[in-house]
């Protein structure tokens, strides 16, 4: 337990930005969910078992009449397909976690992925415990925010109009942080260019999935050159 206590203590400062972000967007999700007339307990349970961030925002609309099961599957896949590539990039690292690797994979959100990739593990802390602490705390922040929002939305007359923009704002902040953190910005530039072209070709309602697929194909095709460029920049 001492090792975990030290890991949580060391990991907490790195998770503060996620704490502030997840509280606000978790509260926004909880308010939206409560506005649909569902119990706050369901919002908490979804955050515990689903923990999909933008997928949960999308899921709020799955409970209205006219949404088919196939539509639910397709839309969920379209929004969360990026997590497949997150997992692929960390599979070797997670293999050292034993049975805990399944939770590490489950808890791999955009913000957590960013922390796992950019945070340097302190020398006096076990790496596996440190990274697990980050994932656990981020998950707890999301559950806490969802609970606060759902309870507040149940007890208070809160309008959720425009509140879904909180998730978009968080993604923008993550992108800016990555842009400032990395010296090799070629992957970010590729993402911007491909997304813009896809937007022009497919339109605002259909560009997300083809854009993500094209970005991943380009990044995988040029992976060796990009990694070499990253190493040269970091020297």
C-alpha atoms as a PDB file:
ATOM      1  CA  UNK A   1       0.000   0.000   0.000  1.00  0.00           C
ATOM      2  CA  UNK A   2       2.902   2.357   0.684  1.00  0.00           C
ATOM      3  CA  UNK A   3       3.978   2.094  -2.936  1.00  0.00           C
ATOM      4  CA  UNK A   4       0.490   3.012  -4.136  1.00  0.00           C
ATOM      5  CA  UNK A   5       0.193   5.869  -1.641  1.00  0.00           C
ATOM      6  CA  UNK A   6       3.433   7.333  -2.956  1.00  0.00           C
ATOM      7  CA  UNK A   7       2.308   6.780  -6.559  1.00  0.00           C
ATOM      8  CA  UNK A   8      -0.996   8.616  -6.002  1.00  0.00           C
ATOM      9  CA  UNK A   9       0.770  11.443  -4.199  1.00  0.00           C
ATOM     10  CA  UNK A  10       3.266  11.907  -7.027  1.00  0.00           C
ATOM     11  CA  UNK A  11       0.701  11.465  -9.796  1.00  0.00           C
ATOM     12  CA  UNK A  12      -1.945  13.854  -8.436  1.00  0.00           C
ATOM     13  CA  UNK A  13      -0.280  17.152  -9.515  1.00  0.00           C
ATOM     14  CA  UNK A  14      -0.119  15.900 -13.104  1.00  0.00           C
ATOM     15  CA  UNK A  15      -3.841  15.128 -13.096  1.00  0.00           C
ATOM     16  CA  UNK A  16      -5.005  18.537 -11.836  1.00  0.00           C
ATOM     17  CA  UNK A  17      -5.708  19.845 -15.375  1.00  0.00           C
ATOM     18  CA  UNK A  18      -7.813  16.728 -16.019  1.00  0.00           C
ATOM     19  CA  UNK A  19      -9.549  17.225 -12.669  1.00  0.00           C
ATOM     20  CA  UNK A  20     -10.662  20.737 -13.579  1.00  0.00           C
ATOM     21  CA  UNK A  21     -11.687  19.692 -17.083  1.00  0.00           C
ATOM     22  CA  UNK A  22     -13.508  16.509 -16.104  1.00  0.00           C
ATOM     23  CA  UNK A  23     -15.433  18.195 -13.326  1.00  0.00           C
ATOM     24  CA  UNK A  24     -16.890  20.723 -15.742  1.00  0.00           C
ATOM     25  CA  UNK A  25     -17.605  18.417 -18.671  1.00  0.00           C
ATOM     26  CA  UNK A  26     -18.761  15.672 -16.284  1.00  0.00           C
ATOM     27  CA  UNK A  27     -21.182  18.123 -14.698  1.00  0.00           C
ATOM     28  CA  UNK A  28     -22.354  19.117 -18.184  1.00  0.00           C
ATOM     29  CA  UNK A  29     -23.014  15.469 -19.059  1.00  0.00           C
ATOM     30  CA  UNK A  30     -24.868  14.887 -15.784  1.00  0.00           C
ATOM     31  CA  UNK A  31     -27.092  17.935 -16.351  1.00  0.00           C
ATOM     32  CA  UNK A  32     -27.908  16.828 -19.911  1.00  0.00           C
ATOM     33  CA  UNK A  33     -28.704  13.305 -18.715  1.00  0.00           C
ATOM     34  CA  UNK A  34     -30.917  14.505 -15.866  1.00  0.00           C
ATOM     35  CA  UNK A  35     -32.778  16.818 -18.232  1.00  0.00           C
ATOM     36  CA  UNK A  36     -33.928  13.726 -20.145  1.00  0.00           C
ATOM     37  CA  UNK A  37     -35.702  12.604 -16.979  1.00  0.00           C
ATOM     38  CA  UNK A  38     -33.363   9.806 -15.920  1.00  0.00           C
ATOM     39  CA  UNK A  39     -32.221   9.138 -12.375  1.00  0.00           C
ATOM     40  CA  UNK A  40     -28.810  10.469 -11.381  1.00  0.00           C
ATOM     41  CA  UNK A  41     -27.889   6.891 -10.461  1.00  0.00           C
ATOM     42  CA  UNK A  42     -27.993   5.913 -14.140  1.00  0.00           C
ATOM     43  CA  UNK A  43     -25.651   8.780 -15.019  1.00  0.00           C
ATOM     44  CA  UNK A  44     -23.186   7.621 -12.357  1.00  0.00           C
ATOM     45  CA  UNK A  45     -23.459   3.991 -13.474  1.00  0.00           C
ATOM     46  CA  UNK A  46     -22.781   4.974 -17.086  1.00  0.00           C
ATOM     47  CA  UNK A  47     -19.690   6.914 -16.040  1.00  0.00           C
ATOM     48  CA  UNK A  48     -18.440   3.926 -14.033  1.00  0.00           C
ATOM     49  CA  UNK A  49     -19.074   1.254 -16.671  1.00  0.00           C
ATOM     50  CA  UNK A  50     -18.937   3.134 -19.984  1.00  0.00           C
ATOM     51  CA  UNK A  51     -16.550   6.043 -19.296  1.00  0.00           C
ATOM     52  CA  UNK A  52     -16.507   7.275 -22.876  1.00  0.00           C
ATOM     53  CA  UNK A  53     -16.539  11.058 -22.568  1.00  0.00           C
ATOM     54  CA  UNK A  54     -17.783  12.259 -25.945  1.00  0.00           C
ATOM     55  CA  UNK A  55     -19.462   8.858 -26.410  1.00  0.00           C
ATOM     56  CA  UNK A  56     -21.572   9.517 -23.310  1.00  0.00           C
ATOM     57  CA  UNK A  57     -22.560  12.934 -24.626  1.00  0.00           C
ATOM     58  CA  UNK A  58     -23.696  11.213 -27.806  1.00  0.00           C
ATOM     59  CA  UNK A  59     -25.464   8.485 -25.831  1.00  0.00           C
ATOM     60  CA  UNK A  60     -27.816  11.027 -24.265  1.00  0.00           C
ATOM     61  CA  UNK A  61     -29.638  11.066 -27.609  1.00  0.00           C
ATOM     62  CA  UNK A  62     -29.746   7.270 -27.936  1.00  0.00           C
ATOM     63  CA  UNK A  63     -32.728   7.002 -25.606  1.00  0.00           C
ATOM     64  CA  UNK A  64     -35.138   8.903 -27.827  1.00  0.00           C
ATOM     65  CA  UNK A  65     -37.611   7.047 -30.089  1.00  0.00           C
ATOM     66  CA  UNK A  66     -36.456   6.265 -33.630  1.00  0.00           C
ATOM     67  CA  UNK A  67     -32.819   5.418 -32.871  1.00  0.00           C
ATOM     68  CA  UNK A  68     -32.010   1.887 -34.045  1.00  0.00           C
ATOM     69  CA  UNK A  69     -29.457  -0.451 -32.491  1.00  0.00           C
ATOM     70  CA  UNK A  70     -27.353  -0.335 -35.680  1.00  0.00           C
ATOM     71  CA  UNK A  71     -27.274   3.457 -35.531  1.00  0.00           C
ATOM     72  CA  UNK A  72     -26.074   3.284 -31.933  1.00  0.00           C
ATOM     73  CA  UNK A  73     -23.253   0.903 -32.914  1.00  0.00           C
ATOM     74  CA  UNK A  74     -22.173   2.960 -35.925  1.00  0.00           C
ATOM     75  CA  UNK A  75     -22.253   6.328 -34.176  1.00  0.00           C
ATOM     76  CA  UNK A  76     -20.396   4.991 -31.132  1.00  0.00           C
ATOM     77  CA  UNK A  77     -17.741   3.448 -33.380  1.00  0.00           C
ATOM     78  CA  UNK A  78     -17.392   6.658 -35.394  1.00  0.00           C
ATOM     79  CA  UNK A  79     -16.870   8.779 -32.291  1.00  0.00           C
ATOM     80  CA  UNK A  80     -14.558   6.388 -30.409  1.00  0.00           C
ATOM     81  CA  UNK A  81     -12.576   4.635 -33.159  1.00  0.00           C
ATOM     82  CA  UNK A  82      -9.538   6.739 -32.207  1.00  0.00           C
ATOM     83  CA  UNK A  83      -9.227   4.742 -28.980  1.00  0.00           C
ATOM     84  CA  UNK A  84      -8.273   1.659 -31.006  1.00  0.00           C
ATOM     85  CA  UNK A  85      -5.156   3.448 -32.172  1.00  0.00           C
ATOM     86  CA  UNK A  86      -4.447   4.754 -28.679  1.00  0.00           C
ATOM     87  CA  UNK A  87      -4.416   1.177 -27.417  1.00  0.00           C
ATOM     88  CA  UNK A  88      -2.198  -0.076 -30.241  1.00  0.00           C
ATOM     89  CA  UNK A  89       0.453   2.507 -29.438  1.00  0.00           C
ATOM     90  CA  UNK A  90       0.546   1.461 -25.755  1.00  0.00           C
ATOM     91  CA  UNK A  91      -0.031  -2.298 -25.981  1.00  0.00           C
ATOM     92  CA  UNK A  92       3.591  -3.207 -25.255  1.00  0.00           C
ATOM     93  CA  UNK A  93       3.718  -0.886 -22.258  1.00  0.00           C
ATOM     94  CA  UNK A  94       0.465  -2.240 -20.847  1.00  0.00           C
ATOM     95  CA  UNK A  95       1.560  -5.871 -21.133  1.00  0.00           C
ATOM     96  CA  UNK A  96       3.696  -5.339 -18.027  1.00  0.00           C
ATOM     97  CA  UNK A  97       0.615  -4.584 -15.915  1.00  0.00           C
ATOM     98  CA  UNK A  98      -0.687  -8.151 -15.663  1.00  0.00           C
ATOM     99  CA  UNK A  99      -4.429  -8.293 -15.042  1.00  0.00           C
ATOM    100  CA  UNK A 100      -4.517  -4.524 -14.441  1.00  0.00           C
ATOM    101  CA  UNK A 101      -3.837  -3.984 -18.151  1.00  0.00           C
ATOM    102  CA  UNK A 102      -7.527  -4.577 -18.911  1.00  0.00           C
ATOM    103  CA  UNK A 103      -8.483  -1.628 -16.729  1.00  0.00           C
ATOM    104  CA  UNK A 104      -5.677   0.466 -18.208  1.00  0.00           C
ATOM    105  CA  UNK A 105      -7.119  -0.168 -21.670  1.00  0.00           C
ATOM    106  CA  UNK A 106     -10.640   0.581 -20.459  1.00  0.00           C
ATOM    107  CA  UNK A 107      -9.549   3.854 -18.842  1.00  0.00           C
ATOM    108  CA  UNK A 108      -7.670   5.166 -21.877  1.00  0.00           C
ATOM    109  CA  UNK A 109      -9.449   8.453 -22.580  1.00  0.00           C
ATOM    110  CA  UNK A 110      -8.005  11.289 -24.681  1.00  0.00           C
ATOM    111  CA  UNK A 111      -6.819  13.207 -21.641  1.00  0.00           C
ATOM    112  CA  UNK A 112      -5.392  10.142 -19.899  1.00  0.00           C
ATOM    113  CA  UNK A 113      -3.620   9.072 -23.078  1.00  0.00           C
ATOM    114  CA  UNK A 114      -2.039  12.506 -23.282  1.00  0.00           C
ATOM    115  CA  UNK A 115      -0.780  12.222 -19.699  1.00  0.00           C
ATOM    116  CA  UNK A 116       0.552   8.686 -20.158  1.00  0.00           C
ATOM    117  CA  UNK A 117       2.484   9.738 -23.249  1.00  0.00           C
ATOM    118  CA  UNK A 118       3.938  13.006 -21.980  1.00  0.00           C
ATOM    119  CA  UNK A 119       4.425  12.553 -18.225  1.00  0.00           C
ATOM    120  CA  UNK A 120       7.851  11.465 -17.006  1.00  0.00           C
ATOM    121  CA  UNK A 121       7.642   8.905 -14.225  1.00  0.00           C
ATOM    122  CA  UNK A 122       9.468  10.077 -11.061  1.00  0.00           C
ATOM    123  CA  UNK A 123      12.532   7.985 -10.271  1.00  0.00           C
ATOM    124  CA  UNK A 124      11.367   7.076  -6.769  1.00  0.00           C
ATOM    125  CA  UNK A 125       7.995   5.648  -7.919  1.00  0.00           C
ATOM    126  CA  UNK A 126       7.146   2.332  -9.563  1.00  0.00           C
ATOM    127  CA  UNK A 127       6.092   3.042 -13.163  1.00  0.00           C
ATOM    128  CA  UNK A 128       3.131   0.652 -13.216  1.00  0.00           C
ATOM    129  CA  UNK A 129       1.700   2.024  -9.976  1.00  0.00           C
ATOM    130  CA  UNK A 130       2.256   5.613 -11.085  1.00  0.00           C
ATOM    131  CA  UNK A 131       0.451   5.165 -14.412  1.00  0.00           C
ATOM    132  CA  UNK A 132      -2.354   3.161 -12.807  1.00  0.00           C
ATOM    133  CA  UNK A 133      -2.816   5.984 -10.290  1.00  0.00           C
ATOM    134  CA  UNK A 134      -3.238   8.466 -13.152  1.00  0.00           C
ATOM    135  CA  UNK A 135      -5.888   6.311 -14.829  1.00  0.00           C
ATOM    136  CA  UNK A 136      -7.782   5.704 -11.573  1.00  0.00           C
ATOM    137  CA  UNK A 137      -7.819   9.363 -10.550  1.00  0.00           C
ATOM    138  CA  UNK A 138      -8.950  10.532 -13.997  1.00  0.00           C
ATOM    139  CA  UNK A 139     -11.795   8.010 -13.917  1.00  0.00           C
ATOM    140  CA  UNK A 140     -12.814   9.167 -10.450  1.00  0.00           C
ATOM    141  CA  UNK A 141     -12.871  12.806 -11.585  1.00  0.00           C
ATOM    142  CA  UNK A 142     -15.245  11.928 -14.405  1.00  0.00           C
ATOM    143  CA  UNK A 143     -17.552   9.958 -12.101  1.00  0.00           C
ATOM    144  CA  UNK A 144     -17.541  12.800  -9.557  1.00  0.00           C
ATOM    145  CA  UNK A 145     -18.388  15.412 -12.185  1.00  0.00           C
ATOM    146  CA  UNK A 146     -21.181  13.260 -13.612  1.00  0.00           C
ATOM    147  CA  UNK A 147     -22.651  12.706 -10.163  1.00  0.00           C
ATOM    148  CA  UNK A 148     -22.581  16.416  -9.283  1.00  0.00           C
ATOM    149  CA  UNK A 149     -24.169  17.385 -12.594  1.00  0.00           C
ATOM    150  CA  UNK A 150     -26.845  14.710 -12.503  1.00  0.00           C
ATOM    151  CA  UNK A 151     -27.843  15.498  -8.909  1.00  0.00           C
ATOM    152  CA  UNK A 152     -27.853  19.249  -9.590  1.00  0.00           C
ATOM    153  CA  UNK A 153     -29.851  18.732 -12.769  1.00  0.00           C
ATOM    154  CA  UNK A 154     -32.403  16.691 -10.831  1.00  0.00           C
ATOM    155  CA  UNK A 155     -32.805  19.164  -7.974  1.00  0.00           C
ATOM    156  CA  UNK A 156     -32.376  22.501  -9.782  1.00  0.00           C
ATOM    157  CA  UNK A 157     -34.028  23.956 -12.907  1.00  0.00           C
ATOM    158  CA  UNK A 158     -30.868  24.071 -15.070  1.00  0.00           C
ATOM    159  CA  UNK A 159     -31.045  24.524 -18.850  1.00  0.00           C
ATOM    160  CA  UNK A 160     -28.566  22.416 -20.829  1.00  0.00           C
ATOM    161  CA  UNK A 161     -28.741  24.547 -23.982  1.00  0.00           C
ATOM    162  CA  UNK A 162     -25.214  24.924 -25.383  1.00  0.00           C
ATOM    163  CA  UNK A 163     -23.663  22.993 -22.518  1.00  0.00           C
ATOM    164  CA  UNK A 164     -22.433  20.228 -24.851  1.00  0.00           C
ATOM    165  CA  UNK A 165     -19.782  22.687 -26.152  1.00  0.00           C
ATOM    166  CA  UNK A 166     -17.790  21.941 -22.984  1.00  0.00           C
ATOM    167  CA  UNK A 167     -16.456  18.749 -24.614  1.00  0.00           C
ATOM    168  CA  UNK A 168     -15.382  20.616 -27.760  1.00  0.00           C
ATOM    169  CA  UNK A 169     -13.626  23.233 -25.651  1.00  0.00           C
ATOM    170  CA  UNK A 170     -11.718  20.525 -23.780  1.00  0.00           C
ATOM    171  CA  UNK A 171     -10.507  18.948 -27.034  1.00  0.00           C
ATOM    172  CA  UNK A 172      -9.268  22.360 -28.186  1.00  0.00           C
ATOM    173  CA  UNK A 173      -7.334  22.800 -24.934  1.00  0.00           C
ATOM    174  CA  UNK A 174      -5.757  19.333 -25.304  1.00  0.00           C
ATOM    175  CA  UNK A 175      -4.692  20.126 -28.856  1.00  0.00           C
ATOM    176  CA  UNK A 176      -3.104  23.423 -27.816  1.00  0.00           C
ATOM    177  CA  UNK A 177      -1.284  21.695 -24.953  1.00  0.00           C
ATOM    178  CA  UNK A 178       0.089  19.036 -27.312  1.00  0.00           C
ATOM    179  CA  UNK A 179       1.098  21.714 -29.826  1.00  0.00           C
ATOM    180  CA  UNK A 180       3.056  23.612 -27.171  1.00  0.00           C
ATOM    181  CA  UNK A 181       4.557  20.457 -25.632  1.00  0.00           C
ATOM    182  CA  UNK A 182       5.851  18.886 -28.849  1.00  0.00           C
ATOM    183  CA  UNK A 183       8.654  20.366 -30.913  1.00  0.00           C
ATOM    184  CA  UNK A 184       7.881  18.092 -33.857  1.00  0.00           C
ATOM    185  CA  UNK A 185       4.420  19.300 -34.892  1.00  0.00           C
ATOM    186  CA  UNK A 186       4.120  17.372 -38.164  1.00  0.00           C
ATOM    187  CA  UNK A 187       1.410  14.973 -36.830  1.00  0.00           C
ATOM    188  CA  UNK A 188      -0.688  17.932 -35.663  1.00  0.00           C
ATOM    189  CA  UNK A 189      -0.292  19.666 -39.028  1.00  0.00           C
ATOM    190  CA  UNK A 190      -1.306  16.445 -40.815  1.00  0.00           C
ATOM    191  CA  UNK A 191      -4.416  16.278 -38.643  1.00  0.00           C
ATOM    192  CA  UNK A 192      -5.398  19.875 -39.404  1.00  0.00           C
ATOM    193  CA  UNK A 193      -4.870  19.535 -43.167  1.00  0.00           C
ATOM    194  CA  UNK A 194      -6.660  16.182 -43.496  1.00  0.00           C
ATOM    195  CA  UNK A 195      -9.571  17.344 -41.329  1.00  0.00           C
ATOM    196  CA  UNK A 196      -9.965  20.509 -43.417  1.00  0.00           C
ATOM    197  CA  UNK A 197      -9.917  18.582 -46.708  1.00  0.00           C
ATOM    198  CA  UNK A 198     -12.393  16.009 -45.354  1.00  0.00           C
ATOM    199  CA  UNK A 199     -14.684  18.797 -44.193  1.00  0.00           C
ATOM    200  CA  UNK A 200     -14.739  20.264 -47.704  1.00  0.00           C
ATOM    201  CA  UNK A 201     -15.284  16.885 -49.385  1.00  0.00           C
ATOM    202  CA  UNK A 202     -17.744  15.167 -47.026  1.00  0.00           C
ATOM    203  CA  UNK A 203     -19.439  18.091 -45.288  1.00  0.00           C
ATOM    204  CA  UNK A 204     -19.825  18.980 -41.616  1.00  0.00           C
ATOM    205  CA  UNK A 205     -22.148  16.052 -40.810  1.00  0.00           C
ATOM    206  CA  UNK A 206     -20.004  13.246 -42.273  1.00  0.00           C
ATOM    207  CA  UNK A 207     -16.340  14.273 -42.247  1.00  0.00           C
ATOM    208  CA  UNK A 208     -15.244  12.946 -38.819  1.00  0.00           C
ATOM    209  CA  UNK A 209     -14.887   9.220 -39.612  1.00  0.00           C
ATOM    210  CA  UNK A 210     -13.134   9.562 -43.027  1.00  0.00           C
ATOM    211  CA  UNK A 211     -10.881  12.258 -41.553  1.00  0.00           C
ATOM    212  CA  UNK A 212      -9.797  10.030 -38.661  1.00  0.00           C
ATOM    213  CA  UNK A 213      -9.218   7.047 -40.953  1.00  0.00           C
ATOM    214  CA  UNK A 214      -7.143   9.123 -43.378  1.00  0.00           C
ATOM    215  CA  UNK A 215      -5.113  10.652 -40.551  1.00  0.00           C
ATOM    216  CA  UNK A 216      -4.335   7.234 -39.110  1.00  0.00           C
ATOM    217  CA  UNK A 217      -3.358   5.827 -42.511  1.00  0.00           C
ATOM    218  CA  UNK A 218      -1.018   8.751 -43.180  1.00  0.00           C
ATOM    219  CA  UNK A 219       0.528   8.503 -39.709  1.00  0.00           C
ATOM    220  CA  UNK A 220       1.032   4.738 -39.954  1.00  0.00           C
ATOM    221  CA  UNK A 221       2.501   5.046 -43.463  1.00  0.00           C
ATOM    222  CA  UNK A 222       4.985   7.678 -42.307  1.00  0.00           C
ATOM    223  CA  UNK A 223       5.500   6.333 -38.803  1.00  0.00           C
ATOM    224  CA  UNK A 224       9.235   5.611 -39.135  1.00  0.00           C
ATOM    225  CA  UNK A 225      10.007   9.024 -40.613  1.00  0.00           C
ATOM    226  CA  UNK A 226       7.893  10.774 -37.977  1.00  0.00           C
ATOM    227  CA  UNK A 227       9.579   8.886 -35.135  1.00  0.00           C
ATOM    228  CA  UNK A 228      13.007   9.676 -36.621  1.00  0.00           C
ATOM    229  CA  UNK A 229      12.052  13.341 -36.869  1.00  0.00           C
ATOM    230  CA  UNK A 230      10.877  13.305 -33.244  1.00  0.00           C
ATOM    231  CA  UNK A 231      14.185  11.818 -32.094  1.00  0.00           C
ATOM    232  CA  UNK A 232      16.173  14.437 -34.011  1.00  0.00           C
ATOM    233  CA  UNK A 233      14.098  17.279 -32.558  1.00  0.00           C
ATOM    234  CA  UNK A 234      14.521  15.948 -29.010  1.00  0.00           C
ATOM    235  CA  UNK A 235      18.314  15.818 -29.227  1.00  0.00           C
END
